[in-house]
Amino acid sequence: MRALVLFLLIITALLLQSTVFTYLQVAGVKPDLLLMLVVFNGFLRGSREGAFLGFLAGLAQDIFTGNYIGLNALTKMAAGYLVGLAEARFFKESAILVSLFTMFVGVANQVLYYLLLYYLHVEVSPYYAVIQVIIPSAIYTGLLVPLSYWKFYSSNEEGWLRQRDY
């Protein structure tokens, strides 16, 4: 059941990100809802599950957008692993802490993405990338965390995302 719910959350985040949030752009950027989902899962479940969901969510995003298959899968997998390292070390009930993690991991995810694009000989101005995409996107995504983290957290503890022992 948990796998089905996570799959539906990935599809929902992809659809919202490509439709609704196209109209809710701030300074020309929209939040990375998939990254937010990966951060939530990694923070609550650890680096292994964070990396796995990050890979699946990134691959779904790559297939959905059709650009450079594997780049988002790799960067979101790294983001899920990175935030998963903090799973046992921090207070999981703090939406503010998760928001800060999301901003930090959002910057790391986008920097890695642009480095991989550079490796593929896609020229993007570093000034444009950092000032007009990376930082605003990380802040926007981080500011949305308190609106949705509690629902994900409570579902992870007592709802459909809870790990059931059979």
N, C-alpha and C. Protein backbone atom coordinates (compact mmCIF):
# COMPACT_ATOMS: atom_id res chain seq x y z
N MET A 1 0.83 -1.19 0.00
CA MET A 1 0.00 0.00 0.00
C MET A 1 0.87 1.25 0.00
N ARG A 2 1.96 1.22 0.78
CA ARG A 2 2.86 2.36 0.87
C ARG A 2 3.46 2.70 -0.50
N ALA A 3 3.85 1.68 -1.25
CA ALA A 3 4.44 1.90 -2.57
C ALA A 3 3.44 2.55 -3.52
N LEU A 4 2.20 2.12 -3.46
CA LEU A 4 1.16 2.68 -4.31
C LEU A 4 0.90 4.15 -3.96
N VAL A 5 0.86 4.45 -2.67
CA VAL A 5 0.63 5.84 -2.23
C VAL A 5 1.79 6.73 -2.67
N LEU A 6 3.03 6.25 -2.52
CA LEU A 6 4.18 7.05 -2.95
C LEU A 6 4.17 7.25 -4.46
N PHE A 7 3.79 6.22 -5.20
CA PHE A 7 3.68 6.35 -6.65
C PHE A 7 2.65 7.42 -7.02
N LEU A 8 1.50 7.38 -6.36
CA LEU A 8 0.46 8.38 -6.63
C LEU A 8 0.91 9.78 -6.22
N LEU A 9 1.67 9.88 -5.14
CA LEU A 9 2.20 11.19 -4.74
C LEU A 9 3.19 11.73 -5.77
N ILE A 10 4.01 10.86 -6.33
CA ILE A 10 4.96 11.29 -7.37
C ILE A 10 4.21 11.80 -8.59
N ILE A 11 3.20 11.06 -9.02
CA ILE A 11 2.41 11.47 -10.19
C ILE A 11 1.69 12.78 -9.92
N THR A 12 1.11 12.90 -8.72
CA THR A 12 0.40 14.13 -8.35
C THR A 12 1.35 15.32 -8.32
N ALA A 13 2.53 15.13 -7.73
CA ALA A 13 3.51 16.22 -7.67
C ALA A 13 3.95 16.62 -9.08
N LEU A 14 4.17 15.65 -9.94
CA LEU A 14 4.54 15.97 -11.33
C LEU A 14 3.45 16.77 -12.03
N LEU A 15 2.21 16.33 -11.86
CA LEU A 15 1.11 17.03 -12.52
C LEU A 15 0.92 18.44 -11.96
N LEU A 16 0.98 18.58 -10.65
CA LEU A 16 0.84 19.91 -10.05
C LEU A 16 1.98 20.84 -10.47
N GLN A 17 3.18 20.30 -10.50
CA GLN A 17 4.35 21.10 -10.85
C GLN A 17 4.28 21.58 -12.30
N SER A 18 3.72 20.76 -13.17
CA SER A 18 3.68 21.14 -14.58
C SER A 18 2.41 21.88 -14.99
N THR A 19 1.41 21.92 -14.12
CA THR A 19 0.18 22.62 -14.47
C THR A 19 -0.09 23.80 -13.54
N VAL A 20 -0.50 23.53 -12.33
CA VAL A 20 -0.92 24.57 -11.40
C VAL A 20 0.22 25.53 -11.09
N PHE A 21 1.40 24.98 -10.78
CA PHE A 21 2.50 25.85 -10.37
C PHE A 21 3.15 26.60 -11.53
N THR A 22 2.76 26.29 -12.75
CA THR A 22 3.19 27.10 -13.88
C THR A 22 2.57 28.50 -13.76
N TYR A 23 1.37 28.55 -13.18
CA TYR A 23 0.68 29.82 -12.99
C TYR A 23 1.03 30.48 -11.66
N LEU A 24 1.69 29.76 -10.79
CA LEU A 24 2.07 30.30 -9.47
C LEU A 24 3.57 30.54 -9.38
N GLN A 25 4.19 30.86 -10.49
CA GLN A 25 5.62 31.14 -10.49
C GLN A 25 5.90 32.45 -9.76
N VAL A 26 7.01 32.46 -9.06
CA VAL A 26 7.47 33.67 -8.38
C VAL A 26 8.86 33.97 -8.93
N ALA A 27 9.06 35.15 -9.45
CA ALA A 27 10.32 35.57 -10.06
C ALA A 27 10.75 34.60 -11.16
N GLY A 28 9.76 34.03 -11.86
CA GLY A 28 10.06 33.14 -12.97
C GLY A 28 10.41 31.71 -12.59
N VAL A 29 10.33 31.36 -11.31
CA VAL A 29 10.64 29.99 -10.89
C VAL A 29 9.44 29.37 -10.19
N LYS A 30 9.41 28.06 -10.23
CA LYS A 30 8.36 27.34 -9.51
C LYS A 30 9.04 26.35 -8.56
N PRO A 31 8.33 25.93 -7.54
CA PRO A 31 8.94 25.03 -6.56
C PRO A 31 9.13 23.63 -7.14
N ASP A 32 10.05 22.90 -6.55
CA ASP A 32 10.32 21.53 -6.95
C ASP A 32 9.57 20.61 -5.99
N LEU A 33 8.34 20.28 -6.34
CA LEU A 33 7.50 19.46 -5.46
C LEU A 33 8.03 18.05 -5.31
N LEU A 34 8.65 17.52 -6.35
CA LEU A 34 9.24 16.19 -6.24
C LEU A 34 10.39 16.18 -5.25
N LEU A 35 11.21 17.21 -5.29
CA LEU A 35 12.31 17.29 -4.33
C LEU A 35 11.77 17.37 -2.91
N MET A 36 10.70 18.11 -2.72
CA MET A 36 10.08 18.22 -1.41
C MET A 36 9.61 16.85 -0.92
N LEU A 37 9.02 16.09 -1.79
CA LEU A 37 8.57 14.73 -1.46
C LEU A 37 9.76 13.83 -1.11
N VAL A 38 10.84 13.95 -1.87
CA VAL A 38 12.05 13.16 -1.62
C VAL A 38 12.67 13.54 -0.28
N VAL A 39 12.69 14.83 0.03
CA VAL A 39 13.24 15.29 1.31
C VAL A 39 12.41 14.75 2.47
N PHE A 40 11.09 14.84 2.36
CA PHE A 40 10.22 14.32 3.42
C PHE A 40 10.49 12.84 3.66
N ASN A 41 10.53 12.07 2.59
CA ASN A 41 10.73 10.63 2.73
C ASN A 41 12.11 10.31 3.29
N GLY A 42 13.14 10.99 2.80
CA GLY A 42 14.49 10.74 3.29
C GLY A 42 14.65 11.14 4.74
N PHE A 43 14.05 12.25 5.10
CA PHE A 43 14.17 12.73 6.48
C PHE A 43 13.47 11.80 7.47
N LEU A 44 12.38 11.20 7.04
CA LEU A 44 11.61 10.33 7.94
C LEU A 44 12.02 8.86 7.85
N ARG A 45 12.60 8.45 6.73
CA ARG A 45 12.88 7.02 6.52
C ARG A 45 14.35 6.66 6.38
N GLY A 46 15.23 7.64 6.21
CA GLY A 46 16.65 7.33 6.11
C GLY A 46 17.19 7.46 4.69
N SER A 47 18.50 7.31 4.59
CA SER A 47 19.18 7.57 3.32
C SER A 47 18.85 6.53 2.25
N ARG A 48 18.67 5.29 2.64
CA ARG A 48 18.39 4.26 1.65
C ARG A 48 17.04 4.48 0.95
N GLU A 49 16.00 4.70 1.76
CA GLU A 49 14.69 4.95 1.17
C GLU A 49 14.62 6.32 0.50
N GLY A 50 15.35 7.29 1.07
CA GLY A 50 15.40 8.62 0.45
C GLY A 50 16.03 8.57 -0.93
N ALA A 51 17.13 7.83 -1.05
CA ALA A 51 17.81 7.71 -2.34
C ALA A 51 16.95 6.93 -3.34
N PHE A 52 16.29 5.89 -2.87
CA PHE A 52 15.45 5.09 -3.75
C PHE A 52 14.28 5.90 -4.30
N LEU A 53 13.56 6.59 -3.41
CA LEU A 53 12.45 7.41 -3.87
C LEU A 53 12.96 8.56 -4.74
N GLY A 54 14.11 9.12 -4.39
CA GLY A 54 14.69 10.18 -5.19
C GLY A 54 14.98 9.72 -6.61
N PHE A 55 15.53 8.52 -6.73
CA PHE A 55 15.80 7.97 -8.05
C PHE A 55 14.52 7.77 -8.84
N LEU A 56 13.50 7.18 -8.20
CA LEU A 56 12.23 6.94 -8.90
C LEU A 56 11.54 8.24 -9.29
N ALA A 57 11.52 9.20 -8.37
CA ALA A 57 10.87 10.48 -8.66
C ALA A 57 11.63 11.23 -9.76
N GLY A 58 12.95 11.22 -9.68
CA GLY A 58 13.75 11.89 -10.72
C GLY A 58 13.61 11.23 -12.08
N LEU A 59 13.55 9.91 -12.08
CA LEU A 59 13.37 9.19 -13.34
C LEU A 59 11.99 9.49 -13.94
N ALA A 60 10.98 9.53 -13.08
CA ALA A 60 9.64 9.89 -13.56
C ALA A 60 9.64 11.30 -14.14
N GLN A 61 10.33 12.21 -13.50
CA GLN A 61 10.41 13.59 -14.00
C GLN A 61 11.16 13.63 -15.33
N ASP A 62 12.24 12.86 -15.43
CA ASP A 62 13.00 12.82 -16.70
C ASP A 62 12.15 12.26 -17.83
N ILE A 63 11.40 11.20 -17.55
CA ILE A 63 10.56 10.60 -18.58
C ILE A 63 9.42 11.54 -18.95
N PHE A 64 8.85 12.21 -17.95
CA PHE A 64 7.73 13.13 -18.18
C PHE A 64 8.16 14.33 -19.01
N THR A 65 9.35 14.89 -18.72
CA THR A 65 9.82 16.07 -19.44
C THR A 65 10.56 15.72 -20.71
N GLY A 66 11.20 14.55 -20.75
CA GLY A 66 11.91 14.12 -21.95
C GLY A 66 13.27 14.75 -22.14
N ASN A 67 13.78 15.44 -21.15
CA ASN A 67 15.09 16.07 -21.27
C ASN A 67 16.14 15.30 -20.50
N TYR A 68 17.21 14.93 -21.16
CA TYR A 68 18.36 14.30 -20.51
C TYR A 68 17.94 13.23 -19.50
N ILE A 69 17.48 12.13 -20.00
CA ILE A 69 17.01 11.04 -19.16
C ILE A 69 18.13 10.60 -18.20
N GLY A 70 17.86 10.67 -16.92
CA GLY A 70 18.80 10.24 -15.90
C GLY A 70 19.37 11.36 -15.05
N LEU A 71 19.35 12.59 -15.54
CA LEU A 71 19.94 13.70 -14.76
C LEU A 71 19.15 13.96 -13.49
N ASN A 72 17.85 14.12 -13.61
CA ASN A 72 17.04 14.33 -12.41
C ASN A 72 17.06 13.11 -11.51
N ALA A 73 17.10 11.93 -12.11
CA ALA A 73 17.15 10.70 -11.32
C ALA A 73 18.41 10.68 -10.46
N LEU A 74 19.53 11.05 -11.06
CA LEU A 74 20.80 11.07 -10.33
C LEU A 74 20.83 12.15 -9.25
N THR A 75 20.38 13.35 -9.59
CA THR A 75 20.45 14.45 -8.62
C THR A 75 19.46 14.28 -7.48
N LYS A 76 18.27 13.80 -7.78
CA LYS A 76 17.29 13.59 -6.71
C LYS A 76 17.66 12.39 -5.84
N MET A 77 18.32 11.40 -6.43
CA MET A 77 18.81 10.28 -5.64
C MET A 77 19.88 10.77 -4.66
N ALA A 78 20.77 11.61 -5.13
CA ALA A 78 21.80 12.17 -4.25
C ALA A 78 21.17 13.03 -3.16
N ALA A 79 20.14 13.80 -3.51
CA ALA A 79 19.45 14.63 -2.52
C ALA A 79 18.77 13.78 -1.47
N GLY A 80 18.09 12.72 -1.89
CA GLY A 80 17.43 11.83 -0.94
C GLY A 80 18.41 11.15 -0.01
N TYR A 81 19.55 10.75 -0.55
CA TYR A 81 20.58 10.12 0.27
C TYR A 81 21.15 11.12 1.27
N LEU A 82 21.43 12.33 0.79
CA LEU A 82 22.02 13.37 1.64
C LEU A 82 21.12 13.73 2.81
N VAL A 83 19.85 13.96 2.54
CA VAL A 83 18.93 14.32 3.63
C VAL A 83 18.65 13.11 4.52
N GLY A 84 18.71 11.92 3.97
CA GLY A 84 18.50 10.72 4.76
C GLY A 84 19.56 10.49 5.81
N LEU A 85 20.75 11.05 5.59
CA LEU A 85 21.82 10.93 6.58
C LEU A 85 21.45 11.63 7.89
N ALA A 86 20.53 12.58 7.83
CA ALA A 86 20.11 13.33 9.01
C ALA A 86 18.94 12.68 9.74
N GLU A 87 18.44 11.57 9.22
CA GLU A 87 17.22 10.95 9.74
C GLU A 87 17.27 10.66 11.23
N ALA A 88 18.34 10.11 11.72
CA ALA A 88 18.40 9.72 13.14
C ALA A 88 18.97 10.82 14.04
N ARG A 89 19.37 11.92 13.45
CA ARG A 89 20.09 12.94 14.23
C ARG A 89 19.26 14.16 14.60
N PHE A 90 18.09 14.32 14.00
CA PHE A 90 17.33 15.53 14.20
C PHE A 90 15.89 15.24 14.62
N PHE A 91 15.26 16.24 15.17
CA PHE A 91 13.89 16.20 15.65
C PHE A 91 12.95 16.18 14.45
N LYS A 92 12.27 15.09 14.20
CA LYS A 92 11.47 14.91 12.99
C LYS A 92 10.18 15.71 12.99
N GLU A 93 9.74 16.19 14.14
CA GLU A 93 8.48 16.92 14.20
C GLU A 93 8.62 18.39 13.82
N SER A 94 9.82 18.86 13.57
CA SER A 94 10.04 20.28 13.29
C SER A 94 9.93 20.58 11.79
N ALA A 95 8.85 21.23 11.42
CA ALA A 95 8.66 21.61 10.01
C ALA A 95 9.67 22.69 9.60
N ILE A 96 10.08 23.52 10.55
CA ILE A 96 11.07 24.56 10.25
C ILE A 96 12.41 23.92 9.90
N LEU A 97 12.81 22.92 10.63
CA LEU A 97 14.05 22.21 10.36
C LEU A 97 13.99 21.52 8.99
N VAL A 98 12.87 20.90 8.69
CA VAL A 98 12.71 20.24 7.39
C VAL A 98 12.72 21.29 6.28
N SER A 99 12.17 22.44 6.54
CA SER A 99 12.18 23.53 5.57
C SER A 99 13.61 23.98 5.27
N LEU A 100 14.42 24.11 6.31
CA LEU A 100 15.82 24.48 6.12
C LEU A 100 16.59 23.40 5.36
N PHE A 101 16.33 22.14 5.70
CA PHE A 101 16.95 21.03 4.97
C PHE A 101 16.54 21.07 3.49
N THR A 102 15.28 21.37 3.24
CA THR A 102 14.79 21.41 1.87
C THR A 102 15.50 22.51 1.09
N MET A 103 15.69 23.67 1.71
CA MET A 103 16.41 24.75 1.03
C MET A 103 17.85 24.35 0.74
N PHE A 104 18.52 23.79 1.73
CA PHE A 104 19.92 23.37 1.55
C PHE A 104 20.04 22.30 0.47
N VAL A 105 19.20 21.28 0.55
CA VAL A 105 19.26 20.20 -0.42
C VAL A 105 18.79 20.67 -1.80
N GLY A 106 17.87 21.64 -1.82
CA GLY A 106 17.45 22.22 -3.09
C GLY A 106 18.61 22.90 -3.81
N VAL A 107 19.42 23.63 -3.07
CA VAL A 107 20.60 24.26 -3.67
C VAL A 107 21.58 23.19 -4.14
N ALA A 108 21.86 22.19 -3.30
CA ALA A 108 22.79 21.13 -3.67
C ALA A 108 22.28 20.36 -4.89
N ASN A 109 21.00 20.07 -4.94
CA ASN A 109 20.40 19.35 -6.07
C ASN A 109 20.58 20.13 -7.37
N GLN A 110 20.26 21.42 -7.33
CA GLN A 110 20.36 22.24 -8.54
C GLN A 110 21.81 22.48 -8.97
N VAL A 111 22.72 22.65 -8.02
CA VAL A 111 24.13 22.82 -8.37
C VAL A 111 24.65 21.56 -9.05
N LEU A 112 24.32 20.40 -8.50
CA LEU A 112 24.72 19.15 -9.12
C LEU A 112 24.12 19.01 -10.52
N TYR A 113 22.87 19.40 -10.67
CA TYR A 113 22.21 19.34 -11.97
C TYR A 113 22.95 20.22 -13.00
N TYR A 114 23.29 21.44 -12.61
CA TYR A 114 23.99 22.33 -13.53
C TYR A 114 25.41 21.88 -13.81
N LEU A 115 26.06 21.24 -12.83
CA LEU A 115 27.39 20.68 -13.09
C LEU A 115 27.30 19.54 -14.09
N LEU A 116 26.29 18.72 -13.97
CA LEU A 116 26.11 17.64 -14.94
C LEU A 116 25.76 18.19 -16.32
N LEU A 117 24.99 19.25 -16.38
CA LEU A 117 24.72 19.89 -17.67
C LEU A 117 26.00 20.44 -18.29
N TYR A 118 26.84 21.02 -17.46
CA TYR A 118 28.13 21.54 -17.94
C TYR A 118 28.98 20.40 -18.49
N TYR A 119 28.96 19.27 -17.80
CA TYR A 119 29.70 18.10 -18.25
C TYR A 119 29.18 17.61 -19.61
N LEU A 120 27.89 17.80 -19.86
CA LEU A 120 27.28 17.42 -21.14
C LEU A 120 27.41 18.53 -22.18
N HIS A 121 28.20 19.56 -21.89
CA HIS A 121 28.48 20.69 -22.79
C HIS A 121 27.26 21.55 -23.06
N VAL A 122 26.41 21.69 -22.04
CA VAL A 122 25.28 22.61 -22.12
C VAL A 122 25.70 23.86 -21.35
N GLU A 123 25.87 24.95 -22.05
CA GLU A 123 26.35 26.18 -21.44
C GLU A 123 25.22 26.95 -20.77
N VAL A 124 25.34 27.17 -19.49
CA VAL A 124 24.40 27.99 -18.73
C VAL A 124 25.23 28.98 -17.93
N SER A 125 24.86 30.24 -17.99
CA SER A 125 25.59 31.26 -17.25
C SER A 125 25.53 30.97 -15.74
N PRO A 126 26.67 30.89 -15.07
CA PRO A 126 26.65 30.63 -13.62
C PRO A 126 25.88 31.68 -12.85
N TYR A 127 25.99 32.93 -13.25
CA TYR A 127 25.24 33.99 -12.58
C TYR A 127 23.74 33.74 -12.71
N TYR A 128 23.30 33.47 -13.92
CA TYR A 128 21.88 33.20 -14.14
C TYR A 128 21.43 31.98 -13.35
N ALA A 129 22.23 30.92 -13.40
CA ALA A 129 21.86 29.67 -12.73
C ALA A 129 21.71 29.88 -11.23
N VAL A 130 22.66 30.54 -10.60
CA VAL A 130 22.64 30.68 -9.14
C VAL A 130 21.63 31.73 -8.69
N ILE A 131 21.69 32.91 -9.26
CA ILE A 131 20.89 34.04 -8.79
C ILE A 131 19.43 33.96 -9.23
N GLN A 132 19.18 33.46 -10.43
CA GLN A 132 17.81 33.51 -10.94
C GLN A 132 17.08 32.18 -10.95
N VAL A 133 17.79 31.08 -10.68
CA VAL A 133 17.12 29.78 -10.68
C VAL A 133 17.35 29.04 -9.36
N ILE A 134 18.59 28.77 -9.02
CA ILE A 134 18.90 27.89 -7.90
C ILE A 134 18.40 28.45 -6.57
N ILE A 135 18.80 29.64 -6.22
CA ILE A 135 18.43 30.21 -4.91
C ILE A 135 16.93 30.50 -4.82
N PRO A 136 16.31 31.16 -5.83
CA PRO A 136 14.87 31.38 -5.71
C PRO A 136 14.05 30.08 -5.66
N SER A 137 14.43 29.09 -6.44
CA SER A 137 13.71 27.82 -6.43
C SER A 137 13.84 27.12 -5.08
N ALA A 138 15.03 27.14 -4.50
CA ALA A 138 15.24 26.51 -3.19
C ALA A 138 14.43 27.23 -2.11
N ILE A 139 14.40 28.54 -2.16
CA ILE A 139 13.64 29.30 -1.16
C ILE A 139 12.14 29.05 -1.32
N TYR A 140 11.65 29.08 -2.55
CA TYR A 140 10.23 28.85 -2.81
C TYR A 140 9.82 27.46 -2.35
N THR A 141 10.62 26.46 -2.68
CA THR A 141 10.31 25.09 -2.26
C THR A 141 10.34 24.98 -0.74
N GLY A 142 11.35 25.58 -0.12
CA GLY A 142 11.47 25.53 1.34
C GLY A 142 10.31 26.22 2.05
N LEU A 143 9.80 27.28 1.47
CA LEU A 143 8.68 27.99 2.09
C LEU A 143 7.36 27.22 1.99
N LEU A 144 7.27 26.29 1.05
CA LEU A 144 6.06 25.48 0.93
C LEU A 144 6.04 24.29 1.90
N VAL A 145 7.19 23.96 2.46
CA VAL A 145 7.29 22.79 3.34
C VAL A 145 6.32 22.84 4.52
N PRO A 146 6.24 23.94 5.28
CA PRO A 146 5.33 23.92 6.44
C PRO A 146 3.86 23.70 6.06
N LEU A 147 3.50 23.97 4.82
CA LEU A 147 2.12 23.76 4.40
C LEU A 147 1.77 22.29 4.18
N SER A 148 2.78 21.46 3.94
CA SER A 148 2.49 20.07 3.59
C SER A 148 3.21 19.03 4.44
N TYR A 149 4.21 19.44 5.20
CA TYR A 149 5.00 18.46 5.95
C TYR A 149 4.17 17.73 7.00
N TRP A 150 3.29 18.43 7.70
CA TRP A 150 2.53 17.79 8.78
C TRP A 150 1.66 16.66 8.26
N LYS A 151 1.07 16.84 7.10
CA LYS A 151 0.23 15.79 6.51
C LYS A 151 1.07 14.57 6.16
N PHE A 152 2.23 14.79 5.57
CA PHE A 152 3.12 13.68 5.22
C PHE A 152 3.63 12.99 6.49
N TYR A 153 4.00 13.79 7.48
CA TYR A 153 4.52 13.23 8.73
C TYR A 153 3.46 12.38 9.43
N SER A 154 2.25 12.90 9.56
CA SER A 154 1.20 12.15 10.25
C SER A 154 0.81 10.90 9.47
N SER A 155 0.82 10.97 8.16
CA SER A 155 0.53 9.79 7.36
C SER A 155 1.65 8.76 7.48
N ASN A 156 2.86 9.23 7.65
CA ASN A 156 4.00 8.33 7.83
C ASN A 156 3.95 7.64 9.19
N GLU A 157 3.42 8.33 10.19
CA GLU A 157 3.35 7.77 11.54
C GLU A 157 2.12 6.89 11.75
N GLU A 158 0.97 7.33 11.25
CA GLU A 158 -0.27 6.62 11.56
C GLU A 158 -1.16 6.36 10.35
N GLY A 159 -0.79 6.84 9.19
CA GLY A 159 -1.68 6.74 8.04
C GLY A 159 -1.23 5.75 6.99
N TRP A 160 -1.49 6.08 5.75
CA TRP A 160 -1.25 5.19 4.63
C TRP A 160 0.23 4.98 4.32
N LEU A 161 1.09 5.88 4.77
CA LEU A 161 2.53 5.74 4.51
C LEU A 161 3.27 5.00 5.64
N ARG A 162 2.53 4.59 6.64
CA ARG A 162 3.13 3.89 7.78
C ARG A 162 3.63 2.52 7.34
N GLN A 163 4.79 2.15 7.84
CA GLN A 163 5.34 0.82 7.57
C GLN A 163 4.59 -0.18 8.41
N ARG A 164 3.95 -1.10 7.77
CA ARG A 164 3.15 -2.09 8.49
C ARG A 164 3.95 -3.37 8.66
N ASP A 165 3.89 -3.94 9.85
CA ASP A 165 4.55 -5.21 10.11
C ASP A 165 3.50 -6.31 10.03
N TYR A 166 3.68 -7.18 9.08
CA TYR A 166 2.72 -8.27 8.91
C TYR A 166 3.27 -9.55 9.49
